[in-house]
Amino acid sequence: MKYAALVAGAALFLTANAFSAEILSKEDFAKVEGQYQKIGTISSTGQTAPSDAREELIKKADEKGADVVVLSSGNTDKKLHVSANIYKKK
């Protein structure tokens, strides 16, 4: 029974992450830009680890229904500040 619950939990986790927004470089996004429409900008401030900033950006993008995140700026002064444009497929 515990095994079935573990398998179900893992499947739910993988399914939820399968639909999260994808972070693309500006170069990669330029190749597919015509397929997307900009829906806004998001930012992450105060994080100390790049992985935490990435996680926060993806969470915010998902909340806004974005499919793609493209970083537009970033800087550090002991803490990260990152801005990104978000896009939805046309």
PDB file of N, CA and C in Angstrom:
ATOM      1  N   MET A   1       0.815  -1.189   0.000  1.00  0.00           N
ATOM      2  CA  MET A   1       0.000   0.000   0.000  1.00  0.00           C
ATOM      3  C   MET A   1       0.861   1.257   0.000  1.00  0.00           C
ATOM      4  N   LYS A   2       1.929   1.260   0.833  1.00  0.00           N
ATOM      5  CA  LYS A   2       2.826   2.420   0.866  1.00  0.00           C
ATOM      6  C   LYS A   2       3.509   2.601  -0.479  1.00  0.00           C
ATOM      7  N   TYR A   3       3.842   1.483  -1.143  1.00  0.00           N
ATOM      8  CA  TYR A   3       4.485   1.555  -2.442  1.00  0.00           C
ATOM      9  C   TYR A   3       3.565   2.223  -3.463  1.00  0.00           C
ATOM     10  N   ALA A   4       2.286   1.873  -3.455  1.00  0.00           N
ATOM     11  CA  ALA A   4       1.327   2.461  -4.393  1.00  0.00           C
ATOM     12  C   ALA A   4       1.188   3.960  -4.152  1.00  0.00           C
ATOM     13  N   ALA A   5       1.171   4.367  -2.893  1.00  0.00           N
ATOM     14  CA  ALA A   5       1.076   5.793  -2.568  1.00  0.00           C
ATOM     15  C   ALA A   5       2.330   6.526  -3.027  1.00  0.00           C
ATOM     16  N   LEU A   6       3.481   5.905  -2.866  1.00  0.00           N
ATOM     17  CA  LEU A   6       4.738   6.506  -3.296  1.00  0.00           C
ATOM     18  C   LEU A   6       4.771   6.669  -4.814  1.00  0.00           C
ATOM     19  N   VAL A   7       4.346   5.645  -5.537  1.00  0.00           N
ATOM     20  CA  VAL A   7       4.313   5.699  -6.999  1.00  0.00           C
ATOM     21  C   VAL A   7       3.323   6.767  -7.463  1.00  0.00           C
ATOM     22  N   ALA A   8       2.161   6.831  -6.838  1.00  0.00           N
ATOM     23  CA  ALA A   8       1.161   7.838  -7.205  1.00  0.00           C
ATOM     24  C   ALA A   8       1.687   9.246  -6.929  1.00  0.00           C
ATOM     25  N   GLY A   9       2.359   9.427  -5.812  1.00  0.00           N
ATOM     26  CA  GLY A   9       2.929  10.733  -5.478  1.00  0.00           C
ATOM     27  C   GLY A   9       3.998  11.151  -6.469  1.00  0.00           C
ATOM     28  N   ALA A  10       4.845  10.217  -6.866  1.00  0.00           N
ATOM     29  CA  ALA A  10       5.899  10.511  -7.842  1.00  0.00           C
ATOM     30  C   ALA A  10       5.296  10.856  -9.196  1.00  0.00           C
ATOM     31  N   ALA A  11       4.263  10.138  -9.592  1.00  0.00           N
ATOM     32  CA  ALA A  11       3.600  10.421 -10.870  1.00  0.00           C
ATOM     33  C   ALA A  11       2.965  11.807 -10.856  1.00  0.00           C
ATOM     34  N   LEU A  12       2.338  12.176  -9.751  1.00  0.00           N
ATOM     35  CA  LEU A  12       1.728  13.490  -9.626  1.00  0.00           C
ATOM     36  C   LEU A  12       2.789  14.582  -9.704  1.00  0.00           C
ATOM     37  N   PHE A  13       3.921  14.374  -9.028  1.00  0.00           N
ATOM     38  CA  PHE A  13       5.020  15.345  -9.056  1.00  0.00           C
ATOM     39  C   PHE A  13       5.545  15.527 -10.479  1.00  0.00           C
ATOM     40  N   LEU A  14       5.769  14.431 -11.184  1.00  0.00           N
ATOM     41  CA  LEU A  14       6.293  14.514 -12.545  1.00  0.00           C
ATOM     42  C   LEU A  14       5.287  15.148 -13.491  1.00  0.00           C
ATOM     43  N   THR A  15       4.010  14.857 -13.318  1.00  0.00           N
ATOM     44  CA  THR A  15       2.976  15.438 -14.161  1.00  0.00           C
ATOM     45  C   THR A  15       2.884  16.933 -13.936  1.00  0.00           C
ATOM     46  N   ALA A  16       2.928  17.367 -12.708  1.00  0.00           N
ATOM     47  CA  ALA A  16       2.838  18.793 -12.399  1.00  0.00           C
ATOM     48  C   ALA A  16       4.025  19.543 -12.992  1.00  0.00           C
ATOM     49  N   ASN A  17       5.218  18.952 -12.941  1.00  0.00           N
ATOM     50  CA  ASN A  17       6.402  19.614 -13.472  1.00  0.00           C
ATOM     51  C   ASN A  17       6.479  19.546 -14.987  1.00  0.00           C
ATOM     52  N   ALA A  18       5.768  18.621 -15.604  1.00  0.00           N
ATOM     53  CA  ALA A  18       5.802  18.493 -17.051  1.00  0.00           C
ATOM     54  C   ALA A  18       5.165  19.698 -17.733  1.00  0.00           C
ATOM     55  N   PHE A  19       4.312  20.421 -17.044  1.00  0.00           N
ATOM     56  CA  PHE A  19       3.612  21.539 -17.642  1.00  0.00           C
ATOM     57  C   PHE A  19       4.124  22.885 -17.152  1.00  0.00           C
ATOM     58  N   SER A  20       5.270  22.923 -16.490  1.00  0.00           N
ATOM     59  CA  SER A  20       5.782  24.191 -16.001  1.00  0.00           C
ATOM     60  C   SER A  20       6.474  24.946 -17.133  1.00  0.00           C
ATOM     61  N   ALA A  21       6.554  26.255 -16.957  1.00  0.00           N
ATOM     62  CA  ALA A  21       7.177  27.109 -17.957  1.00  0.00           C
ATOM     63  C   ALA A  21       8.633  26.713 -18.156  1.00  0.00           C
ATOM     64  N   GLU A  22       9.121  26.952 -19.353  1.00  0.00           N
ATOM     65  CA  GLU A  22      10.492  26.605 -19.709  1.00  0.00           C
ATOM     66  C   GLU A  22      11.316  27.876 -19.840  1.00  0.00           C
ATOM     67  N   ILE A  23      12.508  27.871 -19.284  1.00  0.00           N
ATOM     68  CA  ILE A  23      13.409  29.019 -19.425  1.00  0.00           C
ATOM     69  C   ILE A  23      14.256  28.809 -20.673  1.00  0.00           C
ATOM     70  N   LEU A  24      14.216  29.806 -21.578  1.00  0.00           N
ATOM     71  CA  LEU A  24      15.005  29.751 -22.805  1.00  0.00           C
ATOM     72  C   LEU A  24      15.994  30.903 -22.840  1.00  0.00           C
ATOM     73  N   SER A  25      17.139  30.665 -23.480  1.00  0.00           N
ATOM     74  CA  SER A  25      18.084  31.757 -23.703  1.00  0.00           C
ATOM     75  C   SER A  25      17.509  32.674 -24.782  1.00  0.00           C
ATOM     76  N   LYS A  26      18.014  33.892 -24.855  1.00  0.00           N
ATOM     77  CA  LYS A  26      17.553  34.822 -25.889  1.00  0.00           C
ATOM     78  C   LYS A  26      17.804  34.253 -27.276  1.00  0.00           C
ATOM     79  N   GLU A  27      18.929  33.576 -27.458  1.00  0.00           N
ATOM     80  CA  GLU A  27      19.278  32.999 -28.748  1.00  0.00           C
ATOM     81  C   GLU A  27      18.308  31.889 -29.139  1.00  0.00           C
ATOM     82  N   ASP A  28      18.001  31.004 -28.200  1.00  0.00           N
ATOM     83  CA  ASP A  28      17.060  29.914 -28.490  1.00  0.00           C
ATOM     84  C   ASP A  28      15.658  30.459 -28.733  1.00  0.00           C
ATOM     85  N   PHE A  29      15.261  31.461 -27.953  1.00  0.00           N
ATOM     86  CA  PHE A  29      13.929  32.023 -28.120  1.00  0.00           C
ATOM     87  C   PHE A  29      13.785  32.720 -29.476  1.00  0.00           C
ATOM     88  N   ALA A  30      14.846  33.348 -29.957  1.00  0.00           N
ATOM     89  CA  ALA A  30      14.801  34.046 -31.239  1.00  0.00           C
ATOM     90  C   ALA A  30      14.416  33.100 -32.378  1.00  0.00           C
ATOM     91  N   LYS A  31      14.744  31.829 -32.248  1.00  0.00           N
ATOM     92  CA  LYS A  31      14.436  30.835 -33.277  1.00  0.00           C
ATOM     93  C   LYS A  31      12.947  30.498 -33.335  1.00  0.00           C
ATOM     94  N   VAL A  32      12.221  30.698 -32.232  1.00  0.00           N
ATOM     95  CA  VAL A  32      10.803  30.307 -32.170  1.00  0.00           C
ATOM     96  C   VAL A  32       9.889  31.472 -31.773  1.00  0.00           C
ATOM     97  N   GLU A  33      10.437  32.675 -31.771  1.00  0.00           N
ATOM     98  CA  GLU A  33       9.709  33.844 -31.280  1.00  0.00           C
ATOM     99  C   GLU A  33       8.345  34.036 -31.938  1.00  0.00           C
ATOM    100  N   GLY A  34       8.228  33.720 -33.219  1.00  0.00           N
ATOM    101  CA  GLY A  34       6.972  33.892 -33.948  1.00  0.00           C
ATOM    102  C   GLY A  34       5.834  33.033 -33.428  1.00  0.00           C
ATOM    103  N   GLN A  35       6.151  32.022 -32.645  1.00  0.00           N
ATOM    104  CA  GLN A  35       5.133  31.111 -32.110  1.00  0.00           C
ATOM    105  C   GLN A  35       4.550  31.578 -30.784  1.00  0.00           C
ATOM    106  N   TYR A  36       5.110  32.678 -30.231  1.00  0.00           N
ATOM    107  CA  TYR A  36       4.728  33.116 -28.891  1.00  0.00           C
ATOM    108  C   TYR A  36       4.290  34.571 -28.856  1.00  0.00           C
ATOM    109  N   GLN A  37       3.503  34.880 -27.846  1.00  0.00           N
ATOM    110  CA  GLN A  37       3.012  36.240 -27.604  1.00  0.00           C
ATOM    111  C   GLN A  37       3.432  36.645 -26.193  1.00  0.00           C
ATOM    112  N   LYS A  38       4.024  37.836 -26.068  1.00  0.00           N
ATOM    113  CA  LYS A  38       4.459  38.309 -24.755  1.00  0.00           C
ATOM    114  C   LYS A  38       3.238  38.622 -23.894  1.00  0.00           C
ATOM    115  N   ILE A  39       3.261  38.128 -22.652  1.00  0.00           N
ATOM    116  CA  ILE A  39       2.133  38.380 -21.749  1.00  0.00           C
ATOM    117  C   ILE A  39       2.542  39.156 -20.500  1.00  0.00           C
ATOM    118  N   GLY A  40       3.828  39.497 -20.385  1.00  0.00           N
ATOM    119  CA  GLY A  40       4.236  40.292 -19.238  1.00  0.00           C
ATOM    120  C   GLY A  40       5.687  40.114 -18.860  1.00  0.00           C
ATOM    121  N   THR A  41       6.015  40.640 -17.685  1.00  0.00           N
ATOM    122  CA  THR A  41       7.360  40.500 -17.127  1.00  0.00           C
ATOM    123  C   THR A  41       7.243  40.048 -15.679  1.00  0.00           C
ATOM    124  N   ILE A  42       8.269  39.371 -15.212  1.00  0.00           N
ATOM    125  CA  ILE A  42       8.329  38.910 -13.831  1.00  0.00           C
ATOM    126  C   ILE A  42       9.735  39.169 -13.310  1.00  0.00           C
ATOM    127  N   SER A  43       9.903  39.098 -12.000  1.00  0.00           N
ATOM    128  CA  SER A  43      11.236  39.275 -11.430  1.00  0.00           C
ATOM    129  C   SER A  43      11.379  38.461 -10.150  1.00  0.00           C
ATOM    130  N   SER A  44      12.626  38.247  -9.790  1.00  0.00           N
ATOM    131  CA  SER A  44      12.980  37.569  -8.555  1.00  0.00           C
ATOM    132  C   SER A  44      14.039  38.425  -7.878  1.00  0.00           C
ATOM    133  N   THR A  45      13.816  38.766  -6.635  1.00  0.00           N
ATOM    134  CA  THR A  45      14.746  39.619  -5.906  1.00  0.00           C
ATOM    135  C   THR A  45      15.061  39.012  -4.542  1.00  0.00           C
ATOM    136  N   GLY A  46      16.324  39.123  -4.149  1.00  0.00           N
ATOM    137  CA  GLY A  46      16.703  38.719  -2.806  1.00  0.00           C
ATOM    138  C   GLY A  46      17.163  37.291  -2.653  1.00  0.00           C
ATOM    139  N   GLN A  47      17.190  36.524  -3.732  1.00  0.00           N
ATOM    140  CA  GLN A  47      17.654  35.145  -3.645  1.00  0.00           C
ATOM    141  C   GLN A  47      19.182  35.127  -3.612  1.00  0.00           C
ATOM    142  N   THR A  48      19.772  34.145  -2.964  1.00  0.00           N
ATOM    143  CA  THR A  48      21.225  34.027  -2.930  1.00  0.00           C
ATOM    144  C   THR A  48      21.725  32.901  -3.827  1.00  0.00           C
ATOM    145  N   ALA A  49      20.864  31.970  -4.180  1.00  0.00           N
ATOM    146  CA  ALA A  49      21.253  30.852  -5.048  1.00  0.00           C
ATOM    147  C   ALA A  49      20.527  30.960  -6.382  1.00  0.00           C
ATOM    148  N   PRO A  50      21.242  30.780  -7.490  1.00  0.00           N
ATOM    149  CA  PRO A  50      20.595  30.829  -8.802  1.00  0.00           C
ATOM    150  C   PRO A  50      19.432  29.845  -8.934  1.00  0.00           C
ATOM    151  N   SER A  51      19.544  28.672  -8.320  1.00  0.00           N
ATOM    152  CA  SER A  51      18.462  27.684  -8.412  1.00  0.00           C
ATOM    153  C   SER A  51      17.195  28.194  -7.725  1.00  0.00           C
ATOM    154  N   ASP A  52      17.329  28.943  -6.643  1.00  0.00           N
ATOM    155  CA  ASP A  52      16.162  29.513  -5.964  1.00  0.00           C
ATOM    156  C   ASP A  52      15.503  30.587  -6.824  1.00  0.00           C
ATOM    157  N   ALA A  53      16.321  31.412  -7.477  1.00  0.00           N
ATOM    158  CA  ALA A  53      15.785  32.447  -8.357  1.00  0.00           C
ATOM    159  C   ALA A  53      15.057  31.801  -9.534  1.00  0.00           C
ATOM    160  N   ARG A  54      15.640  30.751 -10.092  1.00  0.00           N
ATOM    161  CA  ARG A  54      15.018  30.032 -11.212  1.00  0.00           C
ATOM    162  C   ARG A  54      13.665  29.457 -10.786  1.00  0.00           C
ATOM    163  N   GLU A  55      13.648  28.821  -9.627  1.00  0.00           N
ATOM    164  CA  GLU A  55      12.411  28.229  -9.110  1.00  0.00           C
ATOM    165  C   GLU A  55      11.328  29.287  -8.920  1.00  0.00           C
ATOM    166  N   GLU A  56      11.714  30.452  -8.373  1.00  0.00           N
ATOM    167  CA  GLU A  56      10.745  31.524  -8.152  1.00  0.00           C
ATOM    168  C   GLU A  56      10.211  32.063  -9.479  1.00  0.00           C
ATOM    169  N   LEU A  57      11.092  32.234 -10.474  1.00  0.00           N
ATOM    170  CA  LEU A  57      10.651  32.722 -11.780  1.00  0.00           C
ATOM    171  C   LEU A  57       9.676  31.746 -12.427  1.00  0.00           C
ATOM    172  N   ILE A  58       9.983  30.468 -12.366  1.00  0.00           N
ATOM    173  CA  ILE A  58       9.098  29.471 -12.971  1.00  0.00           C
ATOM    174  C   ILE A  58       7.756  29.447 -12.257  1.00  0.00           C
ATOM    175  N   LYS A  59       7.765  29.555 -10.942  1.00  0.00           N
ATOM    176  CA  LYS A  59       6.508  29.574 -10.185  1.00  0.00           C
ATOM    177  C   LYS A  59       5.651  30.769 -10.598  1.00  0.00           C
ATOM    178  N   LYS A  60       6.264  31.953 -10.689  1.00  0.00           N
ATOM    179  CA  LYS A  60       5.520  33.153 -11.090  1.00  0.00           C
ATOM    180  C   LYS A  60       5.011  33.029 -12.521  1.00  0.00           C
ATOM    181  N   ALA A  61       5.827  32.491 -13.407  1.00  0.00           N
ATOM    182  CA  ALA A  61       5.416  32.302 -14.803  1.00  0.00           C
ATOM    183  C   ALA A  61       4.240  31.338 -14.893  1.00  0.00           C
ATOM    184  N   ASP A  62       4.300  30.251 -14.142  1.00  0.00           N
ATOM    185  CA  ASP A  62       3.203  29.284 -14.131  1.00  0.00           C
ATOM    186  C   ASP A  62       1.906  29.921 -13.632  1.00  0.00           C
ATOM    187  N   GLU A  63       2.013  30.754 -12.602  1.00  0.00           N
ATOM    188  CA  GLU A  63       0.825  31.416 -12.051  1.00  0.00           C
ATOM    189  C   GLU A  63       0.169  32.330 -13.078  1.00  0.00           C
ATOM    190  N   LYS A  64       0.956  32.874 -14.000  1.00  0.00           N
ATOM    191  CA  LYS A  64       0.429  33.775 -15.024  1.00  0.00           C
ATOM    192  C   LYS A  64       0.084  33.043 -16.316  1.00  0.00           C
ATOM    193  N   GLY A  65       0.281  31.726 -16.339  1.00  0.00           N
ATOM    194  CA  GLY A  65      -0.078  30.927 -17.507  1.00  0.00           C
ATOM    195  C   GLY A  65       0.945  30.973 -18.631  1.00  0.00           C
ATOM    196  N   ALA A  66       2.181  31.310 -18.329  1.00  0.00           N
ATOM    197  CA  ALA A  66       3.224  31.408 -19.354  1.00  0.00           C
ATOM    198  C   ALA A  66       3.762  30.032 -19.736  1.00  0.00           C
ATOM    199  N   ASP A  67       4.205  29.940 -20.981  1.00  0.00           N
ATOM    200  CA  ASP A  67       4.844  28.728 -21.471  1.00  0.00           C
ATOM    201  C   ASP A  67       6.361  28.862 -21.490  1.00  0.00           C
ATOM    202  N   VAL A  68       6.842  30.103 -21.711  1.00  0.00           N
ATOM    203  CA  VAL A  68       8.275  30.341 -21.863  1.00  0.00           C
ATOM    204  C   VAL A  68       8.692  31.550 -21.041  1.00  0.00           C
ATOM    205  N   VAL A  69       9.885  31.458 -20.450  1.00  0.00           N
ATOM    206  CA  VAL A  69      10.505  32.547 -19.698  1.00  0.00           C
ATOM    207  C   VAL A  69      11.833  32.869 -20.383  1.00  0.00           C
ATOM    208  N   VAL A  70      12.059  34.168 -20.682  1.00  0.00           N
ATOM    209  CA  VAL A  70      13.314  34.596 -21.295  1.00  0.00           C
ATOM    210  C   VAL A  70      13.924  35.670 -20.401  1.00  0.00           C
ATOM    211  N   LEU A  71      15.095  35.388 -19.845  1.00  0.00           N
ATOM    212  CA  LEU A  71      15.746  36.344 -18.950  1.00  0.00           C
ATOM    213  C   LEU A  71      16.080  37.621 -19.702  1.00  0.00           C
ATOM    214  N   SER A  72      15.761  38.762 -19.091  1.00  0.00           N
ATOM    215  CA  SER A  72      16.044  40.041 -19.742  1.00  0.00           C
ATOM    216  C   SER A  72      17.135  40.816 -19.028  1.00  0.00           C
ATOM    217  N   SER A  73      17.291  40.628 -17.734  1.00  0.00           N
ATOM    218  CA  SER A  73      18.375  41.299 -17.003  1.00  0.00           C
ATOM    219  C   SER A  73      18.629  40.583 -15.693  1.00  0.00           C
ATOM    220  N   GLY A  74      19.792  40.833 -15.156  1.00  0.00           N
ATOM    221  CA  GLY A  74      20.143  40.250 -13.871  1.00  0.00           C
ATOM    222  C   GLY A  74      21.384  40.912 -13.313  1.00  0.00           C
ATOM    223  N   ASN A  75      21.442  41.002 -11.999  1.00  0.00           N
ATOM    224  CA  ASN A  75      22.647  41.517 -11.353  1.00  0.00           C
ATOM    225  C   ASN A  75      22.738  40.957  -9.945  1.00  0.00           C
ATOM    226  N   THR A  76      23.914  41.102  -9.377  1.00  0.00           N
ATOM    227  CA  THR A  76      24.131  40.608  -8.024  1.00  0.00           C
ATOM    228  C   THR A  76      24.877  41.645  -7.201  1.00  0.00           C
ATOM    229  N   ASP A  77      24.549  41.700  -5.976  1.00  0.00           N
ATOM    230  CA  ASP A  77      25.284  42.446  -4.960  1.00  0.00           C
ATOM    231  C   ASP A  77      25.033  41.679  -3.671  1.00  0.00           C
ATOM    232  N   LYS A  78      25.599  40.483  -3.634  1.00  0.00           N
ATOM    233  CA  LYS A  78      25.393  39.482  -2.580  1.00  0.00           C
ATOM    234  C   LYS A  78      24.060  38.761  -2.722  1.00  0.00           C
ATOM    235  N   LYS A  79      23.067  39.420  -3.331  1.00  0.00           N
ATOM    236  CA  LYS A  79      21.775  38.783  -3.593  1.00  0.00           C
ATOM    237  C   LYS A  79      21.417  39.008  -5.052  1.00  0.00           C
ATOM    238  N   LEU A  80      20.688  38.056  -5.624  1.00  0.00           N
ATOM    239  CA  LEU A  80      20.330  38.116  -7.041  1.00  0.00           C
ATOM    240  C   LEU A  80      19.103  38.981  -7.285  1.00  0.00           C
ATOM    241  N   HIS A  81      19.119  39.683  -8.398  1.00  0.00           N
ATOM    242  CA  HIS A  81      17.921  40.356  -8.908  1.00  0.00           C
ATOM    243  C   HIS A  81      17.841  39.996 -10.386  1.00  0.00           C
ATOM    244  N   VAL A  82      16.769  39.309 -10.772  1.00  0.00           N
ATOM    245  CA  VAL A  82      16.614  38.832 -12.137  1.00  0.00           C
ATOM    246  C   VAL A  82      15.253  39.255 -12.654  1.00  0.00           C
ATOM    247  N   SER A  83      15.234  39.777 -13.888  1.00  0.00           N
ATOM    248  CA  SER A  83      13.981  40.115 -14.567  1.00  0.00           C
ATOM    249  C   SER A  83      13.853  39.234 -15.800  1.00  0.00           C
ATOM    250  N   ALA A  84      12.612  38.933 -16.174  1.00  0.00           N
ATOM    251  CA  ALA A  84      12.383  38.079 -17.332  1.00  0.00           C
ATOM    252  C   ALA A  84      11.081  38.454 -18.012  1.00  0.00           C
ATOM    253  N   ASN A  85      11.055  38.258 -19.310  1.00  0.00           N
ATOM    254  CA  ASN A  85       9.822  38.398 -20.083  1.00  0.00           C
ATOM    255  C   ASN A  85       9.171  37.030 -20.142  1.00  0.00           C
ATOM    256  N   ILE A  86       7.844  37.019 -20.092  1.00  0.00           N
ATOM    257  CA  ILE A  86       7.128  35.743 -20.172  1.00  0.00           C
ATOM    258  C   ILE A  86       6.230  35.732 -21.398  1.00  0.00           C
ATOM    259  N   TYR A  87       6.095  34.552 -21.991  1.00  0.00           N
ATOM    260  CA  TYR A  87       5.376  34.388 -23.249  1.00  0.00           C
ATOM    261  C   TYR A  87       4.440  33.192 -23.177  1.00  0.00           C
ATOM    262  N   LYS A  88       3.365  33.295 -23.942  1.00  0.00           N
ATOM    263  CA  LYS A  88       2.399  32.206 -24.075  1.00  0.00           C
ATOM    264  C   LYS A  88       2.332  31.827 -25.548  1.00  0.00           C
ATOM    265  N   LYS A  89       2.169  30.557 -25.826  1.00  0.00           N
ATOM    266  CA  LYS A  89       2.069  30.086 -27.207  1.00  0.00           C
ATOM    267  C   LYS A  89       0.819  30.674 -27.857  1.00  0.00           C
ATOM    268  N   LYS A  90       0.967  31.123 -29.104  1.00  0.00           N
ATOM    269  CA  LYS A  90      -0.164  31.732 -29.840  1.00  0.00           C
ATOM    270  C   LYS A  90      -1.213  30.702 -30.175  1.00  0.00           C
TER     271      LYS A  90
END
